[in-house]
Amino acid sequence: MVPGVQENGLNALHNVNCGPLSYIHKVAHCDGIRLILEAMHHSVPSLQAKACHLLGQLGDRDDDVRRRIVEAGGIRAVELAKSSFSSSKEVQHEAKEALKILNDNV
């Protein structure tokens, strides 16, 4: 898939954590975690930052969703984004915040 399309998809989910918990469950149950991780294969810093943000937001309010993100390789993907885009302040910030959430009670 084209990075711009995937980035727009991530943008659409940006505030998913502001809605009901059922929204987060829908994203998780509709293969959203895998699709976010797949989007992270592109070398686009803004996409990486958005994906890190979204993984953190999805895992923030539900232990089961957080566990599913971790089991799918979410921590590894966020750490890779952080190390690969060390000059991007946006990626560094979002990765740091996501790792705080994803490493909580794992």
PDB file of N, CA and C in Angstrom:
ATOM      1  N   MET A   1       0.838  -1.180   0.000  1.00  0.00           N
ATOM      2  CA  MET A   1       0.000   0.000   0.000  1.00  0.00           C
ATOM      3  C   MET A   1       0.887   1.249   0.000  1.00  0.00           C
ATOM      4  N   VAL A   2       0.385   2.330  -0.505  1.00  0.00           N
ATOM      5  CA  VAL A   2       1.106   3.587  -0.607  1.00  0.00           C
ATOM      6  C   VAL A   2       1.184   4.241   0.773  1.00  0.00           C
ATOM      7  N   PRO A   3       2.379   4.762   1.152  1.00  0.00           N
ATOM      8  CA  PRO A   3       2.514   5.362   2.484  1.00  0.00           C
ATOM      9  C   PRO A   3       1.490   6.453   2.778  1.00  0.00           C
ATOM     10  N   GLY A   4       1.161   7.284   1.800  1.00  0.00           N
ATOM     11  CA  GLY A   4       0.206   8.373   2.032  1.00  0.00           C
ATOM     12  C   GLY A   4      -1.180   7.872   2.404  1.00  0.00           C
ATOM     13  N   VAL A   5      -1.592   6.791   1.770  1.00  0.00           N
ATOM     14  CA  VAL A   5      -2.900   6.203   2.080  1.00  0.00           C
ATOM     15  C   VAL A   5      -2.890   5.660   3.503  1.00  0.00           C
ATOM     16  N   GLN A   6      -1.830   4.958   3.856  1.00  0.00           N
ATOM     17  CA  GLN A   6      -1.733   4.402   5.203  1.00  0.00           C
ATOM     18  C   GLN A   6      -1.642   5.509   6.252  1.00  0.00           C
ATOM     19  N   GLU A   7      -0.898   6.554   5.946  1.00  0.00           N
ATOM     20  CA  GLU A   7      -0.790   7.666   6.893  1.00  0.00           C
ATOM     21  C   GLU A   7      -2.145   8.339   7.099  1.00  0.00           C
ATOM     22  N   ASN A   8      -2.911   8.497   6.030  1.00  0.00           N
ATOM     23  CA  ASN A   8      -4.257   9.073   6.169  1.00  0.00           C
ATOM     24  C   ASN A   8      -5.160   8.175   7.010  1.00  0.00           C
ATOM     25  N   GLY A   9      -5.001   6.868   6.859  1.00  0.00           N
ATOM     26  CA  GLY A   9      -5.760   5.935   7.690  1.00  0.00           C
ATOM     27  C   GLY A   9      -5.408   6.083   9.160  1.00  0.00           C
ATOM     28  N   LEU A  10      -4.123   6.249   9.444  1.00  0.00           N
ATOM     29  CA  LEU A  10      -3.690   6.468  10.827  1.00  0.00           C
ATOM     30  C   LEU A  10      -4.241   7.788  11.353  1.00  0.00           C
ATOM     31  N   ASN A  11      -4.254   8.809  10.503  1.00  0.00           N
ATOM     32  CA  ASN A  11      -4.826  10.100  10.910  1.00  0.00           C
ATOM     33  C   ASN A  11      -6.287   9.951  11.314  1.00  0.00           C
ATOM     34  N   ALA A  12      -7.016   9.134  10.568  1.00  0.00           N
ATOM     35  CA  ALA A  12      -8.439   8.947  10.856  1.00  0.00           C
ATOM     36  C   ALA A  12      -8.660   8.322  12.229  1.00  0.00           C
ATOM     37  N   LEU A  13      -7.704   7.539  12.684  1.00  0.00           N
ATOM     38  CA  LEU A  13      -7.827   6.873  13.983  1.00  0.00           C
ATOM     39  C   LEU A  13      -7.155   7.642  15.118  1.00  0.00           C
ATOM     40  N   HIS A  14      -6.587   8.794  14.804  1.00  0.00           N
ATOM     41  CA  HIS A  14      -5.758   9.556  15.753  1.00  0.00           C
ATOM     42  C   HIS A  14      -6.397   9.740  17.127  1.00  0.00           C
ATOM     43  N   ASN A  15      -7.659  10.069  17.190  1.00  0.00           N
ATOM     44  CA  ASN A  15      -8.314  10.349  18.477  1.00  0.00           C
ATOM     45  C   ASN A  15      -9.210   9.214  18.952  1.00  0.00           C
ATOM     46  N   VAL A  16      -8.921   7.995  18.521  1.00  0.00           N
ATOM     47  CA  VAL A  16      -9.766   6.858  18.885  1.00  0.00           C
ATOM     48  C   VAL A  16      -9.880   6.696  20.400  1.00  0.00           C
ATOM     49  N   ASN A  17      -8.863   7.078  21.127  1.00  0.00           N
ATOM     50  CA  ASN A  17      -8.866   6.919  22.584  1.00  0.00           C
ATOM     51  C   ASN A  17      -9.794   7.915  23.273  1.00  0.00           C
ATOM     52  N   CYS A  18     -10.247   8.927  22.550  1.00  0.00           N
ATOM     53  CA  CYS A  18     -11.166   9.917  23.136  1.00  0.00           C
ATOM     54  C   CYS A  18     -12.607   9.413  23.164  1.00  0.00           C
ATOM     55  N   GLY A  19     -12.896   8.402  22.384  1.00  0.00           N
ATOM     56  CA  GLY A  19     -14.257   7.872  22.309  1.00  0.00           C
ATOM     57  C   GLY A  19     -14.472   6.733  23.282  1.00  0.00           C
ATOM     58  N   PRO A  20     -15.590   6.057  23.133  1.00  0.00           N
ATOM     59  CA  PRO A  20     -15.887   4.913  23.997  1.00  0.00           C
ATOM     60  C   PRO A  20     -14.857   3.793  23.814  1.00  0.00           C
ATOM     61  N   LEU A  21     -14.686   3.003  24.842  1.00  0.00           N
ATOM     62  CA  LEU A  21     -13.757   1.879  24.795  1.00  0.00           C
ATOM     63  C   LEU A  21     -14.115   0.908  23.667  1.00  0.00           C
ATOM     64  N   SER A  22     -15.372   0.869  23.298  1.00  0.00           N
ATOM     65  CA  SER A  22     -15.791  -0.027  22.209  1.00  0.00           C
ATOM     66  C   SER A  22     -15.102   0.326  20.892  1.00  0.00           C
ATOM     67  N   TYR A  23     -14.743   1.604  20.692  1.00  0.00           N
ATOM     68  CA  TYR A  23     -14.021   1.995  19.476  1.00  0.00           C
ATOM     69  C   TYR A  23     -12.651   1.321  19.437  1.00  0.00           C
ATOM     70  N   ILE A  24     -11.978   1.303  20.571  1.00  0.00           N
ATOM     71  CA  ILE A  24     -10.659   0.679  20.657  1.00  0.00           C
ATOM     72  C   ILE A  24     -10.780  -0.818  20.399  1.00  0.00           C
ATOM     73  N   HIS A  25     -11.795  -1.427  20.983  1.00  0.00           N
ATOM     74  CA  HIS A  25     -12.004  -2.860  20.766  1.00  0.00           C
ATOM     75  C   HIS A  25     -12.287  -3.161  19.298  1.00  0.00           C
ATOM     76  N   LYS A  26     -13.047  -2.295  18.638  1.00  0.00           N
ATOM     77  CA  LYS A  26     -13.345  -2.501  17.212  1.00  0.00           C
ATOM     78  C   LYS A  26     -12.072  -2.462  16.379  1.00  0.00           C
ATOM     79  N   VAL A  27     -11.228  -1.486  16.635  1.00  0.00           N
ATOM     80  CA  VAL A  27      -9.968  -1.387  15.891  1.00  0.00           C
ATOM     81  C   VAL A  27      -9.139  -2.649  16.114  1.00  0.00           C
ATOM     82  N   ALA A  28      -9.041  -3.075  17.363  1.00  0.00           N
ATOM     83  CA  ALA A  28      -8.249  -4.265  17.684  1.00  0.00           C
ATOM     84  C   ALA A  28      -8.837  -5.523  17.052  1.00  0.00           C
ATOM     85  N   HIS A  29     -10.138  -5.662  17.089  1.00  0.00           N
ATOM     86  CA  HIS A  29     -10.782  -6.872  16.579  1.00  0.00           C
ATOM     87  C   HIS A  29     -10.899  -6.894  15.057  1.00  0.00           C
ATOM     88  N   CYS A  30     -10.732  -5.761  14.411  1.00  0.00           N
ATOM     89  CA  CYS A  30     -10.822  -5.694  12.942  1.00  0.00           C
ATOM     90  C   CYS A  30      -9.442  -5.662  12.302  1.00  0.00           C
ATOM     91  N   ASP A  31      -8.461  -6.251  12.968  1.00  0.00           N
ATOM     92  CA  ASP A  31      -7.100  -6.387  12.442  1.00  0.00           C
ATOM     93  C   ASP A  31      -6.345  -5.062  12.387  1.00  0.00           C
ATOM     94  N   GLY A  32      -6.812  -4.075  13.142  1.00  0.00           N
ATOM     95  CA  GLY A  32      -6.175  -2.764  13.133  1.00  0.00           C
ATOM     96  C   GLY A  32      -4.742  -2.773  13.620  1.00  0.00           C
ATOM     97  N   ILE A  33      -4.448  -3.592  14.621  1.00  0.00           N
ATOM     98  CA  ILE A  33      -3.080  -3.636  15.155  1.00  0.00           C
ATOM     99  C   ILE A  33      -2.117  -4.099  14.069  1.00  0.00           C
ATOM    100  N   ARG A  34      -2.466  -5.170  13.383  1.00  0.00           N
ATOM    101  CA  ARG A  34      -1.604  -5.678  12.311  1.00  0.00           C
ATOM    102  C   ARG A  34      -1.426  -4.637  11.208  1.00  0.00           C
ATOM    103  N   LEU A  35      -2.496  -3.953  10.857  1.00  0.00           N
ATOM    104  CA  LEU A  35      -2.417  -2.952   9.791  1.00  0.00           C
ATOM    105  C   LEU A  35      -1.547  -1.769  10.195  1.00  0.00           C
ATOM    106  N   ILE A  36      -1.612  -1.370  11.455  1.00  0.00           N
ATOM    107  CA  ILE A  36      -0.749  -0.285  11.936  1.00  0.00           C
ATOM    108  C   ILE A  36       0.710  -0.722  11.861  1.00  0.00           C
ATOM    109  N   LEU A  37       0.991  -1.928  12.333  1.00  0.00           N
ATOM    110  CA  LEU A  37       2.368  -2.434  12.297  1.00  0.00           C
ATOM    111  C   LEU A  37       2.859  -2.590  10.862  1.00  0.00           C
ATOM    112  N   GLU A  38       1.991  -2.997   9.968  1.00  0.00           N
ATOM    113  CA  GLU A  38       2.352  -3.122   8.556  1.00  0.00           C
ATOM    114  C   GLU A  38       2.688  -1.752   7.966  1.00  0.00           C
ATOM    115  N   ALA A  39       1.936  -0.740   8.336  1.00  0.00           N
ATOM    116  CA  ALA A  39       2.200   0.619   7.846  1.00  0.00           C
ATOM    117  C   ALA A  39       3.570   1.106   8.288  1.00  0.00           C
ATOM    118  N   MET A  40       4.049   0.603   9.414  1.00  0.00           N
ATOM    119  CA  MET A  40       5.337   1.042   9.944  1.00  0.00           C
ATOM    120  C   MET A  40       6.519   0.513   9.137  1.00  0.00           C
ATOM    121  N   HIS A  41       6.285  -0.257   8.093  1.00  0.00           N
ATOM    122  CA  HIS A  41       7.369  -0.721   7.230  1.00  0.00           C
ATOM    123  C   HIS A  41       7.839   0.380   6.287  1.00  0.00           C
ATOM    124  N   HIS A  42       7.086   1.457   6.186  1.00  0.00           N
ATOM    125  CA  HIS A  42       7.484   2.583   5.342  1.00  0.00           C
ATOM    126  C   HIS A  42       8.427   3.506   6.117  1.00  0.00           C
ATOM    127  N   SER A  43       9.390   4.052   5.412  1.00  0.00           N
ATOM    128  CA  SER A  43      10.379   4.939   6.036  1.00  0.00           C
ATOM    129  C   SER A  43       9.947   6.394   5.946  1.00  0.00           C
ATOM    130  N   VAL A  44       8.814   6.691   6.535  1.00  0.00           N
ATOM    131  CA  VAL A  44       8.269   8.048   6.531  1.00  0.00           C
ATOM    132  C   VAL A  44       8.133   8.483   7.991  1.00  0.00           C
ATOM    133  N   PRO A  45       8.938   9.459   8.429  1.00  0.00           N
ATOM    134  CA  PRO A  45       8.922   9.840   9.842  1.00  0.00           C
ATOM    135  C   PRO A  45       7.542  10.219  10.379  1.00  0.00           C
ATOM    136  N   SER A  46       6.774  10.981   9.624  1.00  0.00           N
ATOM    137  CA  SER A  46       5.458  11.394  10.129  1.00  0.00           C
ATOM    138  C   SER A  46       4.535  10.189  10.297  1.00  0.00           C
ATOM    139  N   LEU A  47       4.624   9.221   9.400  1.00  0.00           N
ATOM    140  CA  LEU A  47       3.832   7.997   9.525  1.00  0.00           C
ATOM    141  C   LEU A  47       4.269   7.214  10.759  1.00  0.00           C
ATOM    142  N   GLN A  48       5.564   7.125  10.976  1.00  0.00           N
ATOM    143  CA  GLN A  48       6.091   6.412  12.146  1.00  0.00           C
ATOM    144  C   GLN A  48       5.592   7.051  13.444  1.00  0.00           C
ATOM    145  N   ALA A  49       5.626   8.370  13.494  1.00  0.00           N
ATOM    146  CA  ALA A  49       5.170   9.075  14.699  1.00  0.00           C
ATOM    147  C   ALA A  49       3.688   8.809  14.947  1.00  0.00           C
ATOM    148  N   LYS A  50       2.896   8.880  13.892  1.00  0.00           N
ATOM    149  CA  LYS A  50       1.451   8.640  14.040  1.00  0.00           C
ATOM    150  C   LYS A  50       1.172   7.203  14.468  1.00  0.00           C
ATOM    151  N   ALA A  51       1.908   6.259  13.908  1.00  0.00           N
ATOM    152  CA  ALA A  51       1.712   4.854  14.268  1.00  0.00           C
ATOM    153  C   ALA A  51       2.096   4.615  15.725  1.00  0.00           C
ATOM    154  N   CYS A  52       3.203   5.188  16.166  1.00  0.00           N
ATOM    155  CA  CYS A  52       3.603   5.059  17.574  1.00  0.00           C
ATOM    156  C   CYS A  52       2.528   5.643  18.479  1.00  0.00           C
ATOM    157  N   HIS A  53       2.053   6.829  18.123  1.00  0.00           N
ATOM    158  CA  HIS A  53       1.002   7.483  18.913  1.00  0.00           C
ATOM    159  C   HIS A  53      -0.229   6.584  19.000  1.00  0.00           C
ATOM    160  N   LEU A  54      -0.633   6.056  17.882  1.00  0.00           N
ATOM    161  CA  LEU A  54      -1.849   5.248  17.827  1.00  0.00           C
ATOM    162  C   LEU A  54      -1.699   3.947  18.607  1.00  0.00           C
ATOM    163  N   LEU A  55      -0.558   3.294  18.509  1.00  0.00           N
ATOM    164  CA  LEU A  55      -0.349   2.065  19.286  1.00  0.00           C
ATOM    165  C   LEU A  55      -0.427   2.356  20.784  1.00  0.00           C
ATOM    166  N   GLY A  56       0.163   3.475  21.192  1.00  0.00           N
ATOM    167  CA  GLY A  56       0.072   3.856  22.600  1.00  0.00           C
ATOM    168  C   GLY A  56      -1.354   4.148  23.019  1.00  0.00           C
ATOM    169  N   GLN A  57      -2.086   4.860  22.180  1.00  0.00           N
ATOM    170  CA  GLN A  57      -3.471   5.196  22.504  1.00  0.00           C
ATOM    171  C   GLN A  57      -4.356   3.954  22.571  1.00  0.00           C
ATOM    172  N   LEU A  58      -4.150   3.030  21.651  1.00  0.00           N
ATOM    173  CA  LEU A  58      -4.947   1.799  21.663  1.00  0.00           C
ATOM    174  C   LEU A  58      -4.684   0.979  22.925  1.00  0.00           C
ATOM    175  N   GLY A  59      -3.441   0.966  23.370  1.00  0.00           N
ATOM    176  CA  GLY A  59      -3.086   0.172  24.538  1.00  0.00           C
ATOM    177  C   GLY A  59      -3.296   0.863  25.863  1.00  0.00           C
ATOM    178  N   ASP A  60      -3.684   2.118  25.835  1.00  0.00           N
ATOM    179  CA  ASP A  60      -3.744   2.928  27.050  1.00  0.00           C
ATOM    180  C   ASP A  60      -4.837   2.510  28.025  1.00  0.00           C
ATOM    181  N   ARG A  61      -6.005   2.134  27.534  1.00  0.00           N
ATOM    182  CA  ARG A  61      -7.154   1.937  28.423  1.00  0.00           C
ATOM    183  C   ARG A  61      -7.599   0.494  28.587  1.00  0.00           C
ATOM    184  N   ASP A  62      -6.951  -0.435  27.924  1.00  0.00           N
ATOM    185  CA  ASP A  62      -7.428  -1.811  27.991  1.00  0.00           C
ATOM    186  C   ASP A  62      -6.242  -2.776  28.034  1.00  0.00           C
ATOM    187  N   ASP A  63      -6.153  -3.539  29.114  1.00  0.00           N
ATOM    188  CA  ASP A  63      -5.035  -4.469  29.289  1.00  0.00           C
ATOM    189  C   ASP A  63      -4.983  -5.524  28.189  1.00  0.00           C
ATOM    190  N   ASP A  64      -6.132  -6.024  27.761  1.00  0.00           N
ATOM    191  CA  ASP A  64      -6.156  -7.050  26.722  1.00  0.00           C
ATOM    192  C   ASP A  64      -5.664  -6.499  25.390  1.00  0.00           C
ATOM    193  N   VAL A  65      -6.082  -5.296  25.041  1.00  0.00           N
ATOM    194  CA  VAL A  65      -5.621  -4.684  23.787  1.00  0.00           C
ATOM    195  C   VAL A  65      -4.125  -4.416  23.875  1.00  0.00           C
ATOM    196  N   ARG A  66      -3.662  -3.924  25.022  1.00  0.00           N
ATOM    197  CA  ARG A  66      -2.228  -3.674  25.200  1.00  0.00           C
ATOM    198  C   ARG A  66      -1.455  -4.989  25.030  1.00  0.00           C
ATOM    199  N   ARG A  67      -1.948  -6.070  25.617  1.00  0.00           N
ATOM    200  CA  ARG A  67      -1.292  -7.370  25.498  1.00  0.00           C
ATOM    201  C   ARG A  67      -1.245  -7.816  24.033  1.00  0.00           C
ATOM    202  N   ARG A  68      -2.331  -7.589  23.312  1.00  0.00           N
ATOM    203  CA  ARG A  68      -2.377  -7.972  21.896  1.00  0.00           C
ATOM    204  C   ARG A  68      -1.370  -7.172  21.070  1.00  0.00           C
ATOM    205  N   ILE A  69      -1.217  -5.902  21.393  1.00  0.00           N
ATOM    206  CA  ILE A  69      -0.230  -5.069  20.695  1.00  0.00           C
ATOM    207  C   ILE A  69       1.168  -5.601  20.957  1.00  0.00           C
ATOM    208  N   VAL A  70       1.451  -5.900  22.213  1.00  0.00           N
ATOM    209  CA  VAL A  70       2.770  -6.417  22.588  1.00  0.00           C
ATOM    210  C   VAL A  70       3.033  -7.750  21.890  1.00  0.00           C
ATOM    211  N   GLU A  71       2.064  -8.655  21.927  1.00  0.00           N
ATOM    212  CA  GLU A  71       2.227  -9.967  21.297  1.00  0.00           C
ATOM    213  C   GLU A  71       2.409  -9.868  19.786  1.00  0.00           C
ATOM    214  N   ALA A  72       1.855  -8.842  19.177  1.00  0.00           N
ATOM    215  CA  ALA A  72       1.983  -8.644  17.727  1.00  0.00           C
ATOM    216  C   ALA A  72       3.321  -8.014  17.339  1.00  0.00           C
ATOM    217  N   GLY A  73       4.128  -7.628  18.332  1.00  0.00           N
ATOM    218  CA  GLY A  73       5.424  -7.014  18.051  1.00  0.00           C
ATOM    219  C   GLY A  73       5.417  -5.507  18.145  1.00  0.00           C
ATOM    220  N   GLY A  74       4.422  -4.949  18.825  1.00  0.00           N
ATOM    221  CA  GLY A  74       4.298  -3.498  18.921  1.00  0.00           C
ATOM    222  C   GLY A  74       5.457  -2.808  19.612  1.00  0.00           C
ATOM    223  N   ILE A  75       5.951  -3.392  20.694  1.00  0.00           N
ATOM    224  CA  ILE A  75       7.085  -2.762  21.390  1.00  0.00           C
ATOM    225  C   ILE A  75       8.297  -2.745  20.479  1.00  0.00           C
ATOM    226  N   ARG A  76       8.568  -3.854  19.837  1.00  0.00           N
ATOM    227  CA  ARG A  76       9.708  -3.936  18.920  1.00  0.00           C
ATOM    228  C   ARG A  76       9.568  -2.909  17.791  1.00  0.00           C
ATOM    229  N   ALA A  77       8.370  -2.758  17.243  1.00  0.00           N
ATOM    230  CA  ALA A  77       8.146  -1.802  16.150  1.00  0.00           C
ATOM    231  C   ALA A  77       8.366  -0.368  16.614  1.00  0.00           C
ATOM    232  N   VAL A  78       7.896  -0.038  17.802  1.00  0.00           N
ATOM    233  CA  VAL A  78       8.071   1.319  18.331  1.00  0.00           C
ATOM    234  C   VAL A  78       9.549   1.574  18.628  1.00  0.00           C
ATOM    235  N   GLU A  79      10.225   0.594  19.207  1.00  0.00           N
ATOM    236  CA  GLU A  79      11.662   0.749  19.476  1.00  0.00           C
ATOM    237  C   GLU A  79      12.448   0.919  18.185  1.00  0.00           C
ATOM    238  N   LEU A  80      12.069   0.190  17.147  1.00  0.00           N
ATOM    239  CA  LEU A  80      12.734   0.312  15.847  1.00  0.00           C
ATOM    240  C   LEU A  80      12.502   1.697  15.251  1.00  0.00           C
ATOM    241  N   ALA A  81      11.287   2.196  15.353  1.00  0.00           N
ATOM    242  CA  ALA A  81      11.001   3.551  14.864  1.00  0.00           C
ATOM    243  C   ALA A  81      11.850   4.566  15.621  1.00  0.00           C
ATOM    244  N   LYS A  82      11.942   4.393  16.927  1.00  0.00           N
ATOM    245  CA  LYS A  82      12.713   5.324  17.768  1.00  0.00           C
ATOM    246  C   LYS A  82      14.186   5.326  17.371  1.00  0.00           C
ATOM    247  N   SER A  83      14.747   4.139  17.134  1.00  0.00           N
ATOM    248  CA  SER A  83      16.166   4.079  16.775  1.00  0.00           C
ATOM    249  C   SER A  83      16.413   4.475  15.318  1.00  0.00           C
ATOM    250  N   SER A  84      15.479   4.186  14.440  1.00  0.00           N
ATOM    251  CA  SER A  84      15.655   4.494  13.016  1.00  0.00           C
ATOM    252  C   SER A  84      15.451   5.968  12.689  1.00  0.00           C
ATOM    253  N   PHE A  85      14.668   6.658  13.498  1.00  0.00           N
ATOM    254  CA  PHE A  85      14.349   8.065  13.234  1.00  0.00           C
ATOM    255  C   PHE A  85      14.799   8.930  14.411  1.00  0.00           C
ATOM    256  N   SER A  86      16.061   8.751  14.786  1.00  0.00           N
ATOM    257  CA  SER A  86      16.594   9.439  15.971  1.00  0.00           C
ATOM    258  C   SER A  86      16.640  10.956  15.804  1.00  0.00           C
ATOM    259  N   SER A  87      16.625  11.448  14.571  1.00  0.00           N
ATOM    260  CA  SER A  87      16.666  12.898  14.368  1.00  0.00           C
ATOM    261  C   SER A  87      15.271  13.530  14.319  1.00  0.00           C
ATOM    262  N   SER A  88      14.225  12.717  14.384  1.00  0.00           N
ATOM    263  CA  SER A  88      12.861  13.246  14.356  1.00  0.00           C
ATOM    264  C   SER A  88      12.342  13.427  15.780  1.00  0.00           C
ATOM    265  N   LYS A  89      12.156  14.666  16.174  1.00  0.00           N
ATOM    266  CA  LYS A  89      11.634  14.946  17.517  1.00  0.00           C
ATOM    267  C   LYS A  89      10.239  14.360  17.694  1.00  0.00           C
ATOM    268  N   GLU A  90       9.447  14.414  16.629  1.00  0.00           N
ATOM    269  CA  GLU A  90       8.077  13.895  16.695  1.00  0.00           C
ATOM    270  C   GLU A  90       8.076  12.383  16.947  1.00  0.00           C
ATOM    271  N   VAL A  91       8.908  11.653  16.210  1.00  0.00           N
ATOM    272  CA  VAL A  91       8.988  10.202  16.413  1.00  0.00           C
ATOM    273  C   VAL A  91       9.508   9.902  17.809  1.00  0.00           C
ATOM    274  N   GLN A  92      10.535  10.620  18.233  1.00  0.00           N
ATOM    275  CA  GLN A  92      11.108  10.380  19.560  1.00  0.00           C
ATOM    276  C   GLN A  92      10.068  10.585  20.658  1.00  0.00           C
ATOM    277  N   HIS A  93       9.309  11.655  20.554  1.00  0.00           N
ATOM    278  CA  HIS A  93       8.290  11.949  21.567  1.00  0.00           C
ATOM    279  C   HIS A  93       7.199  10.883  21.577  1.00  0.00           C
ATOM    280  N   GLU A  94       6.649  10.574  20.411  1.00  0.00           N
ATOM    281  CA  GLU A  94       5.542   9.614  20.338  1.00  0.00           C
ATOM    282  C   GLU A  94       5.995   8.210  20.720  1.00  0.00           C
ATOM    283  N   ALA A  95       7.204   7.838  20.330  1.00  0.00           N
ATOM    284  CA  ALA A  95       7.724   6.516  20.693  1.00  0.00           C
ATOM    285  C   ALA A  95       7.918   6.414  22.203  1.00  0.00           C
ATOM    286  N   LYS A  96       8.456   7.457  22.802  1.00  0.00           N
ATOM    287  CA  LYS A  96       8.663   7.463  24.262  1.00  0.00           C
ATOM    288  C   LYS A  96       7.336   7.294  24.996  1.00  0.00           C
ATOM    289  N   GLU A  97       6.324   8.038  24.572  1.00  0.00           N
ATOM    290  CA  GLU A  97       5.003   7.954  25.210  1.00  0.00           C
ATOM    291  C   GLU A  97       4.375   6.575  24.995  1.00  0.00           C
ATOM    292  N   ALA A  98       4.490   6.047  23.785  1.00  0.00           N
ATOM    293  CA  ALA A  98       3.917   4.729  23.494  1.00  0.00           C
ATOM    294  C   ALA A  98       4.598   3.646  24.322  1.00  0.00           C
ATOM    295  N   LEU A  99       5.915   3.723  24.444  1.00  0.00           N
ATOM    296  CA  LEU A  99       6.638   2.707  25.211  1.00  0.00           C
ATOM    297  C   LEU A  99       6.271   2.748  26.689  1.00  0.00           C
ATOM    298  N   LYS A 100       6.028   3.936  27.224  1.00  0.00           N
ATOM    299  CA  LYS A 100       5.570   4.036  28.620  1.00  0.00           C
ATOM    300  C   LYS A 100       4.285   3.238  28.807  1.00  0.00           C
ATOM    301  N   ILE A 101       3.376   3.389  27.870  1.00  0.00           N
ATOM    302  CA  ILE A 101       2.074   2.711  27.955  1.00  0.00           C
ATOM    303  C   ILE A 101       2.215   1.213  27.695  1.00  0.00           C
ATOM    304  N   LEU A 102       2.915   0.862  26.628  1.00  0.00           N
ATOM    305  CA  LEU A 102       2.995  -0.545  26.234  1.00  0.00           C
ATOM    306  C   LEU A 102       3.804  -1.390  27.211  1.00  0.00           C
ATOM    307  N   ASN A 103       4.762  -0.782  27.881  1.00  0.00           N
ATOM    308  CA  ASN A 103       5.569  -1.517  28.856  1.00  0.00           C
ATOM    309  C   ASN A 103       4.898  -1.609  30.217  1.00  0.00           C
ATOM    310  N   ASP A 104       3.778  -0.936  30.397  1.00  0.00           N
ATOM    311  CA  ASP A 104       3.065  -0.932  31.677  1.00  0.00           C
ATOM    312  C   ASP A 104       2.305  -2.243  31.863  1.00  0.00           C
ATOM    313  N   ASN A 105       2.618  -2.952  32.912  1.00  0.00           N
ATOM    314  CA  ASN A 105       1.916  -4.199  33.276  1.00  0.00           C
ATOM    315  C   ASN A 105       1.952  -5.268  32.193  1.00  0.00           C
ATOM    316  N   VAL A 106       3.038  -5.356  31.458  1.00  0.00           N
ATOM    317  CA  VAL A 106       3.144  -6.396  30.420  1.00  0.00           C
ATOM    318  C   VAL A 106       3.660  -7.668  31.050  1.00  0.00           C
TER     319      VAL A 106
END
